[in-house]
Amino acid sequence: MALSRTDIANMALGRVGAKPIMDLDDEDSLTARIVKIQFSPTVQEVGRSGEWNCLKDIADLPQLVTAPAFGWSYNYQLPTDCLFLVKLNGVDWDNRPGDYAEVMGRKLLSNTDTAQIQYISYKEDANEYDALFVEAVVLLLAAKIAVPVQGSDYTSLAAQLLREYERKFTNARARDASERKKMPYDPASESRWNRARYSSTAG
């Protein structure tokens, strides 16, 4: 079933016992304005917290004309929707060698002359979200809006929703992890050409 941002907002409002809104972008609705302020940051926060398969994307980054001032050979611009990197040129980002690459601001600095990345992206289209991601967003969003929408009497509910989010998010992350076959970086398994290419240094 197709979901909209408004649908997800109303699911969160339902968790705090508030009335649904007609449209998340309704500027005349105080409730809509409160939820909208928290909506995108919440989606990004949940997205940054795990390798959600529904948010994965790939890109072949072009080299920037200006090289890094020192330490690295090449400079690349990260996509505007990039929340964090998963792989660079087939190497798991968390297991990369220290002299392989690093992120600085919105730039990728690397000693490789190509930058094909797999990354977690920020997607505005709620139809891209899977059920577990939606549930995580709903719980965290509900925790954030409980007091602003319903008042200070809902502080304990906000805390309860946050605990539920943390518990269920752990389960969701484990489910996503089970769908991935993440291989650690193993120089011995790389071809001689790849090892030479990936270990090349500036200058």
C-alpha atoms as a PDB file:
ATOM      1  CA  MET A   1       0.000   0.000   0.000  1.00  0.00           C
ATOM      2  CA  ALA A   2       1.364   3.408  -0.995  1.00  0.00           C
ATOM      3  CA  LEU A   3       2.237   5.727   1.865  1.00  0.00           C
ATOM      4  CA  SER A   4       2.638   9.491   1.910  1.00  0.00           C
ATOM      5  CA  ARG A   5       4.508  11.729   4.334  1.00  0.00           C
ATOM      6  CA  THR A   6       1.115  12.775   5.665  1.00  0.00           C
ATOM      7  CA  ASP A   7       0.204   9.126   6.287  1.00  0.00           C
ATOM      8  CA  ILE A   8       3.367   8.624   8.330  1.00  0.00           C
ATOM      9  CA  ALA A   9       2.727  11.871  10.211  1.00  0.00           C
ATOM     10  CA  ASN A  10      -0.774  10.681  11.095  1.00  0.00           C
ATOM     11  CA  MET A  11       0.557   7.323  12.254  1.00  0.00           C
ATOM     12  CA  ALA A  12       2.856   9.215  14.638  1.00  0.00           C
ATOM     13  CA  LEU A  13       0.004  11.462  15.771  1.00  0.00           C
ATOM     14  CA  GLY A  14      -2.095   8.387  16.437  1.00  0.00           C
ATOM     15  CA  ARG A  15       0.604   7.035  18.741  1.00  0.00           C
ATOM     16  CA  VAL A  16       0.256  10.140  20.924  1.00  0.00           C
ATOM     17  CA  GLY A  17      -3.535  10.220  20.828  1.00  0.00           C
ATOM     18  CA  ALA A  18      -3.766  13.329  18.641  1.00  0.00           C
ATOM     19  CA  LYS A  19      -6.221  13.993  15.827  1.00  0.00           C
ATOM     20  CA  PRO A  20      -4.989  13.344  12.273  1.00  0.00           C
ATOM     21  CA  ILE A  21      -4.076  16.167   9.910  1.00  0.00           C
ATOM     22  CA  MET A  22      -5.264  16.612   6.347  1.00  0.00           C
ATOM     23  CA  ASP A  23      -1.879  17.547   4.907  1.00  0.00           C
ATOM     24  CA  LEU A  24       1.616  17.744   6.369  1.00  0.00           C
ATOM     25  CA  ASP A  25       2.165  20.923   4.344  1.00  0.00           C
ATOM     26  CA  ASP A  26      -0.934  22.661   5.723  1.00  0.00           C
ATOM     27  CA  GLU A  27       0.411  25.971   7.046  1.00  0.00           C
ATOM     28  CA  ASP A  28      -2.939  26.750   8.685  1.00  0.00           C
ATOM     29  CA  SER A  29      -2.691  23.715  10.967  1.00  0.00           C
ATOM     30  CA  LEU A  30      -0.553  24.185  14.089  1.00  0.00           C
ATOM     31  CA  THR A  31      -0.264  20.420  14.489  1.00  0.00           C
ATOM     32  CA  ALA A  32       0.911  20.011  10.897  1.00  0.00           C
ATOM     33  CA  ARG A  33       3.513  22.733  11.351  1.00  0.00           C
ATOM     34  CA  ILE A  34       4.835  21.098  14.527  1.00  0.00           C
ATOM     35  CA  VAL A  35       5.101  17.674  12.898  1.00  0.00           C
ATOM     36  CA  LYS A  36       6.626  19.030   9.685  1.00  0.00           C
ATOM     37  CA  ILE A  37       9.459  20.697  11.614  1.00  0.00           C
ATOM     38  CA  GLN A  38      10.454  17.292  13.015  1.00  0.00           C
ATOM     39  CA  PHE A  39       9.642  15.102  10.003  1.00  0.00           C
ATOM     40  CA  SER A  40      12.683  15.420   7.739  1.00  0.00           C
ATOM     41  CA  PRO A  41      15.238  15.536  10.585  1.00  0.00           C
ATOM     42  CA  THR A  42      13.662  12.372  12.007  1.00  0.00           C
ATOM     43  CA  VAL A  43      13.838  10.533   8.677  1.00  0.00           C
ATOM     44  CA  GLN A  44      17.492  11.545   8.370  1.00  0.00           C
ATOM     45  CA  GLU A  45      18.273  10.543  11.951  1.00  0.00           C
ATOM     46  CA  VAL A  46      16.763   7.090  11.505  1.00  0.00           C
ATOM     47  CA  GLY A  47      18.458   6.773   8.109  1.00  0.00           C
ATOM     48  CA  ARG A  48      21.892   7.592   9.538  1.00  0.00           C
ATOM     49  CA  SER A  49      21.485   4.997  12.255  1.00  0.00           C
ATOM     50  CA  GLY A  50      21.724   1.863  10.122  1.00  0.00           C
ATOM     51  CA  GLU A  51      22.216   0.371   6.673  1.00  0.00           C
ATOM     52  CA  TRP A  52      18.563   0.406   5.641  1.00  0.00           C
ATOM     53  CA  ASN A  53      18.216  -1.465   2.363  1.00  0.00           C
ATOM     54  CA  CYS A  54      15.326   0.742   1.261  1.00  0.00           C
ATOM     55  CA  LEU A  55      17.614   3.789   1.417  1.00  0.00           C
ATOM     56  CA  LYS A  56      20.615   2.333  -0.385  1.00  0.00           C
ATOM     57  CA  ASP A  57      21.751   3.994  -3.586  1.00  0.00           C
ATOM     58  CA  ILE A  58      24.824   4.041  -5.829  1.00  0.00           C
ATOM     59  CA  ALA A  59      26.732   6.766  -7.635  1.00  0.00           C
ATOM     60  CA  ASP A  60      29.810   7.129  -9.813  1.00  0.00           C
ATOM     61  CA  LEU A  61      31.372  10.327  -8.527  1.00  0.00           C
ATOM     62  CA  PRO A  62      33.158  12.686 -10.935  1.00  0.00           C
ATOM     63  CA  GLN A  63      36.514  14.070  -9.874  1.00  0.00           C
ATOM     64  CA  LEU A  64      36.553  17.720  -8.861  1.00  0.00           C
ATOM     65  CA  VAL A  65      38.944  19.956 -10.766  1.00  0.00           C
ATOM     66  CA  THR A  66      40.737  21.107  -7.614  1.00  0.00           C
ATOM     67  CA  ALA A  67      42.724  18.389  -5.859  1.00  0.00           C
ATOM     68  CA  PRO A  68      43.054  18.328  -2.053  1.00  0.00           C
ATOM     69  CA  ALA A  69      45.713  20.685  -0.688  1.00  0.00           C
ATOM     70  CA  PHE A  70      47.697  17.785   0.728  1.00  0.00           C
ATOM     71  CA  GLY A  71      47.496  14.176   1.865  1.00  0.00           C
ATOM     72  CA  TRP A  72      45.193  12.897  -0.868  1.00  0.00           C
ATOM     73  CA  SER A  73      45.350  12.656  -4.644  1.00  0.00           C
ATOM     74  CA  TYR A  74      41.700  13.172  -5.618  1.00  0.00           C
ATOM     75  CA  ASN A  75      38.696  15.172  -4.537  1.00  0.00           C
ATOM     76  CA  TYR A  76      35.072  14.114  -5.119  1.00  0.00           C
ATOM     77  CA  GLN A  77      31.737  15.755  -4.357  1.00  0.00           C
ATOM     78  CA  LEU A  78      29.349  13.558  -2.378  1.00  0.00           C
ATOM     79  CA  PRO A  79      25.696  13.439  -3.488  1.00  0.00           C
ATOM     80  CA  THR A  80      23.493  15.980  -1.722  1.00  0.00           C
ATOM     81  CA  ASP A  81      21.274  13.155  -0.422  1.00  0.00           C
ATOM     82  CA  CYS A  82      24.158  11.126   1.052  1.00  0.00           C
ATOM     83  CA  LEU A  83      23.698  10.312   4.745  1.00  0.00           C
ATOM     84  CA  PHE A  84      26.742   8.045   4.994  1.00  0.00           C
ATOM     85  CA  LEU A  85      28.914   5.780   2.863  1.00  0.00           C
ATOM     86  CA  VAL A  86      28.557   2.009   2.780  1.00  0.00           C
ATOM     87  CA  LYS A  87      31.141   1.067   0.157  1.00  0.00           C
ATOM     88  CA  LEU A  88      33.775   2.744  -1.999  1.00  0.00           C
ATOM     89  CA  ASN A  89      34.877   0.866  -5.115  1.00  0.00           C
ATOM     90  CA  GLY A  90      33.532  -2.360  -3.624  1.00  0.00           C
ATOM     91  CA  VAL A  91      35.401  -1.956  -0.310  1.00  0.00           C
ATOM     92  CA  ASP A  92      33.293  -1.748   2.849  1.00  0.00           C
ATOM     93  CA  TRP A  93      33.678   1.795   4.161  1.00  0.00           C
ATOM     94  CA  ASP A  94      33.992   0.725   7.807  1.00  0.00           C
ATOM     95  CA  ASN A  95      36.824  -1.681   6.925  1.00  0.00           C
ATOM     96  CA  ARG A  96      38.815   0.517   4.534  1.00  0.00           C
ATOM     97  CA  PRO A  97      42.586   0.936   5.046  1.00  0.00           C
ATOM     98  CA  GLY A  98      43.603   4.184   6.711  1.00  0.00           C
ATOM     99  CA  ASP A  99      45.241   5.559   3.578  1.00  0.00           C
ATOM    100  CA  TYR A 100      42.311   4.662   1.314  1.00  0.00           C
ATOM    101  CA  ALA A 101      39.897   7.589   1.668  1.00  0.00           C
ATOM    102  CA  GLU A 102      38.104   9.859   4.119  1.00  0.00           C
ATOM    103  CA  VAL A 103      35.080  12.118   4.194  1.00  0.00           C
ATOM    104  CA  MET A 104      35.628  15.773   4.979  1.00  0.00           C
ATOM    105  CA  GLY A 105      32.470  17.858   5.038  1.00  0.00           C
ATOM    106  CA  ARG A 106      30.567  17.056   1.845  1.00  0.00           C
ATOM    107  CA  LYS A 107      33.747  15.968   0.029  1.00  0.00           C
ATOM    108  CA  LEU A 108      35.295  12.540  -0.434  1.00  0.00           C
ATOM    109  CA  LEU A 109      39.101  12.630  -0.385  1.00  0.00           C
ATOM    110  CA  SER A 110      40.781   9.578  -1.829  1.00  0.00           C
ATOM    111  CA  ASN A 111      43.914   8.106  -3.361  1.00  0.00           C
ATOM    112  CA  THR A 112      41.859   6.178  -5.924  1.00  0.00           C
ATOM    113  CA  ASP A 113      41.294   7.642  -9.385  1.00  0.00           C
ATOM    114  CA  THR A 114      37.681   6.446  -9.427  1.00  0.00           C
ATOM    115  CA  ALA A 115      34.962   6.723  -6.791  1.00  0.00           C
ATOM    116  CA  GLN A 116      32.034   4.361  -7.244  1.00  0.00           C
ATOM    117  CA  ILE A 117      30.059   4.470  -4.033  1.00  0.00           C
ATOM    118  CA  GLN A 118      27.198   2.672  -2.370  1.00  0.00           C
ATOM    119  CA  TYR A 119      25.562   4.886   0.214  1.00  0.00           C
ATOM    120  CA  ILE A 120      22.556   5.485   2.420  1.00  0.00           C
ATOM    121  CA  SER A 121      20.479   8.262   0.920  1.00  0.00           C
ATOM    122  CA  TYR A 122      17.864  10.623   2.235  1.00  0.00           C
ATOM    123  CA  LYS A 123      14.669   9.899   0.320  1.00  0.00           C
ATOM    124  CA  GLU A 124      11.707  12.267   0.562  1.00  0.00           C
ATOM    125  CA  ASP A 125       9.347   9.875  -1.225  1.00  0.00           C
ATOM    126  CA  ALA A 126       7.712   7.772   1.479  1.00  0.00           C
ATOM    127  CA  ASN A 127       6.876   5.106  -1.108  1.00  0.00           C
ATOM    128  CA  GLU A 128      10.567   4.190  -1.017  1.00  0.00           C
ATOM    129  CA  TYR A 129      10.411   3.202   2.661  1.00  0.00           C
ATOM    130  CA  ASP A 130       9.930  -0.377   3.767  1.00  0.00           C
ATOM    131  CA  ALA A 131       7.662  -1.342   6.660  1.00  0.00           C
ATOM    132  CA  LEU A 132      10.409  -1.572   9.280  1.00  0.00           C
ATOM    133  CA  PHE A 133      11.834   1.817   8.370  1.00  0.00           C
ATOM    134  CA  VAL A 134       8.355   3.367   8.523  1.00  0.00           C
ATOM    135  CA  GLU A 135       7.776   1.881  11.954  1.00  0.00           C
ATOM    136  CA  ALA A 136      11.079   3.269  13.228  1.00  0.00           C
ATOM    137  CA  VAL A 137      10.307   6.735  11.833  1.00  0.00           C
ATOM    138  CA  VAL A 138       6.792   6.693  13.308  1.00  0.00           C
ATOM    139  CA  LEU A 139       8.034   5.794  16.783  1.00  0.00           C
ATOM    140  CA  LEU A 140      10.847   8.348  16.877  1.00  0.00           C
ATOM    141  CA  LEU A 141       8.639  11.049  15.358  1.00  0.00           C
ATOM    142  CA  ALA A 142       5.909  10.311  17.897  1.00  0.00           C
ATOM    143  CA  ALA A 143       8.439  10.593  20.723  1.00  0.00           C
ATOM    144  CA  LYS A 144       9.526  14.001  19.434  1.00  0.00           C
ATOM    145  CA  ILE A 145       6.041  15.472  18.925  1.00  0.00           C
ATOM    146  CA  ALA A 146       4.243  14.071  21.968  1.00  0.00           C
ATOM    147  CA  VAL A 147       4.917  17.052  24.235  1.00  0.00           C
ATOM    148  CA  PRO A 148       4.792  19.839  21.601  1.00  0.00           C
ATOM    149  CA  VAL A 149       1.440  18.565  20.310  1.00  0.00           C
ATOM    150  CA  GLN A 150      -0.203  17.269  23.485  1.00  0.00           C
ATOM    151  CA  GLY A 151       1.513  19.158  26.293  1.00  0.00           C
ATOM    152  CA  SER A 152       3.810  18.430  29.216  1.00  0.00           C
ATOM    153  CA  ASP A 153       1.475  15.749  30.590  1.00  0.00           C
ATOM    154  CA  TYR A 154       2.764  13.527  27.764  1.00  0.00           C
ATOM    155  CA  THR A 155       6.414  13.598  28.840  1.00  0.00           C
ATOM    156  CA  SER A 156       6.264  10.049  30.158  1.00  0.00           C
ATOM    157  CA  LEU A 157       4.630   8.846  26.942  1.00  0.00           C
ATOM    158  CA  ALA A 158       7.393  10.503  24.939  1.00  0.00           C
ATOM    159  CA  ALA A 159       9.996   8.628  26.988  1.00  0.00           C
ATOM    160  CA  GLN A 160       8.085   5.377  26.556  1.00  0.00           C
ATOM    161  CA  LEU A 161       7.895   5.853  22.784  1.00  0.00           C
ATOM    162  CA  LEU A 162      11.617   6.579  22.643  1.00  0.00           C
ATOM    163  CA  ARG A 163      12.369   3.341  24.510  1.00  0.00           C
ATOM    164  CA  GLU A 164      10.082   1.435  22.155  1.00  0.00           C
ATOM    165  CA  TYR A 165      11.833   3.000  19.177  1.00  0.00           C
ATOM    166  CA  GLU A 166      15.246   1.989  20.500  1.00  0.00           C
ATOM    167  CA  ARG A 167      14.084  -1.581  21.083  1.00  0.00           C
ATOM    168  CA  LYS A 168      12.352  -2.012  17.739  1.00  0.00           C
ATOM    169  CA  PHE A 169      15.041  -0.173  15.823  1.00  0.00           C
ATOM    170  CA  THR A 170      17.591  -2.672  17.077  1.00  0.00           C
ATOM    171  CA  ASN A 171      15.400  -5.452  15.697  1.00  0.00           C
ATOM    172  CA  ALA A 172      14.947  -3.624  12.397  1.00  0.00           C
ATOM    173  CA  ARG A 173      18.669  -3.046  12.077  1.00  0.00           C
ATOM    174  CA  ALA A 174      19.339  -6.709  12.744  1.00  0.00           C
ATOM    175  CA  ARG A 175      16.832  -7.662  10.025  1.00  0.00           C
ATOM    176  CA  ASP A 176      18.496  -5.336   7.516  1.00  0.00           C
ATOM    177  CA  ALA A 177      21.914  -6.658   8.480  1.00  0.00           C
ATOM    178  CA  SER A 178      20.778 -10.229   7.847  1.00  0.00           C
ATOM    179  CA  GLU A 179      19.866  -9.251   4.282  1.00  0.00           C
ATOM    180  CA  ARG A 180      23.386  -8.001   3.618  1.00  0.00           C
ATOM    181  CA  LYS A 181      26.488 -10.069   2.916  1.00  0.00           C
ATOM    182  CA  LYS A 182      29.125  -7.706   4.166  1.00  0.00           C
ATOM    183  CA  MET A 183      32.656  -8.823   3.403  1.00  0.00           C
ATOM    184  CA  PRO A 184      35.555  -7.362   5.399  1.00  0.00           C
ATOM    185  CA  TYR A 185      38.436  -5.825   3.494  1.00  0.00           C
ATOM    186  CA  ASP A 186      40.997  -8.524   2.781  1.00  0.00           C
ATOM    187  CA  PRO A 187      44.116  -7.365   0.887  1.00  0.00           C
ATOM    188  CA  ALA A 188      45.143 -10.960   0.280  1.00  0.00           C
ATOM    189  CA  SER A 189      41.982 -11.583  -1.735  1.00  0.00           C
ATOM    190  CA  GLU A 190      42.470  -8.541  -3.967  1.00  0.00           C
ATOM    191  CA  SER A 191      44.103  -8.828  -7.355  1.00  0.00           C
ATOM    192  CA  ARG A 192      47.626  -7.416  -7.771  1.00  0.00           C
ATOM    193  CA  TRP A 193      46.162  -4.673  -9.992  1.00  0.00           C
ATOM    194  CA  ASN A 194      43.589  -3.649  -7.372  1.00  0.00           C
ATOM    195  CA  ARG A 195      46.125  -3.645  -4.550  1.00  0.00           C
ATOM    196  CA  ALA A 196      48.448  -1.404  -6.545  1.00  0.00           C
ATOM    197  CA  ARG A 197      45.613   0.879  -7.537  1.00  0.00           C
ATOM    198  CA  TYR A 198      44.055   1.263  -4.102  1.00  0.00           C
ATOM    199  CA  SER A 199      47.345   1.749  -2.276  1.00  0.00           C
ATOM    200  CA  SER A 200      48.695   4.443  -4.591  1.00  0.00           C
ATOM    201  CA  THR A 201      49.570   7.687  -2.784  1.00  0.00           C
ATOM    202  CA  ALA A 202      49.540  11.370  -3.672  1.00  0.00           C
ATOM    203  CA  GLY A 203      52.457  12.838  -5.574  1.00  0.00           C
END
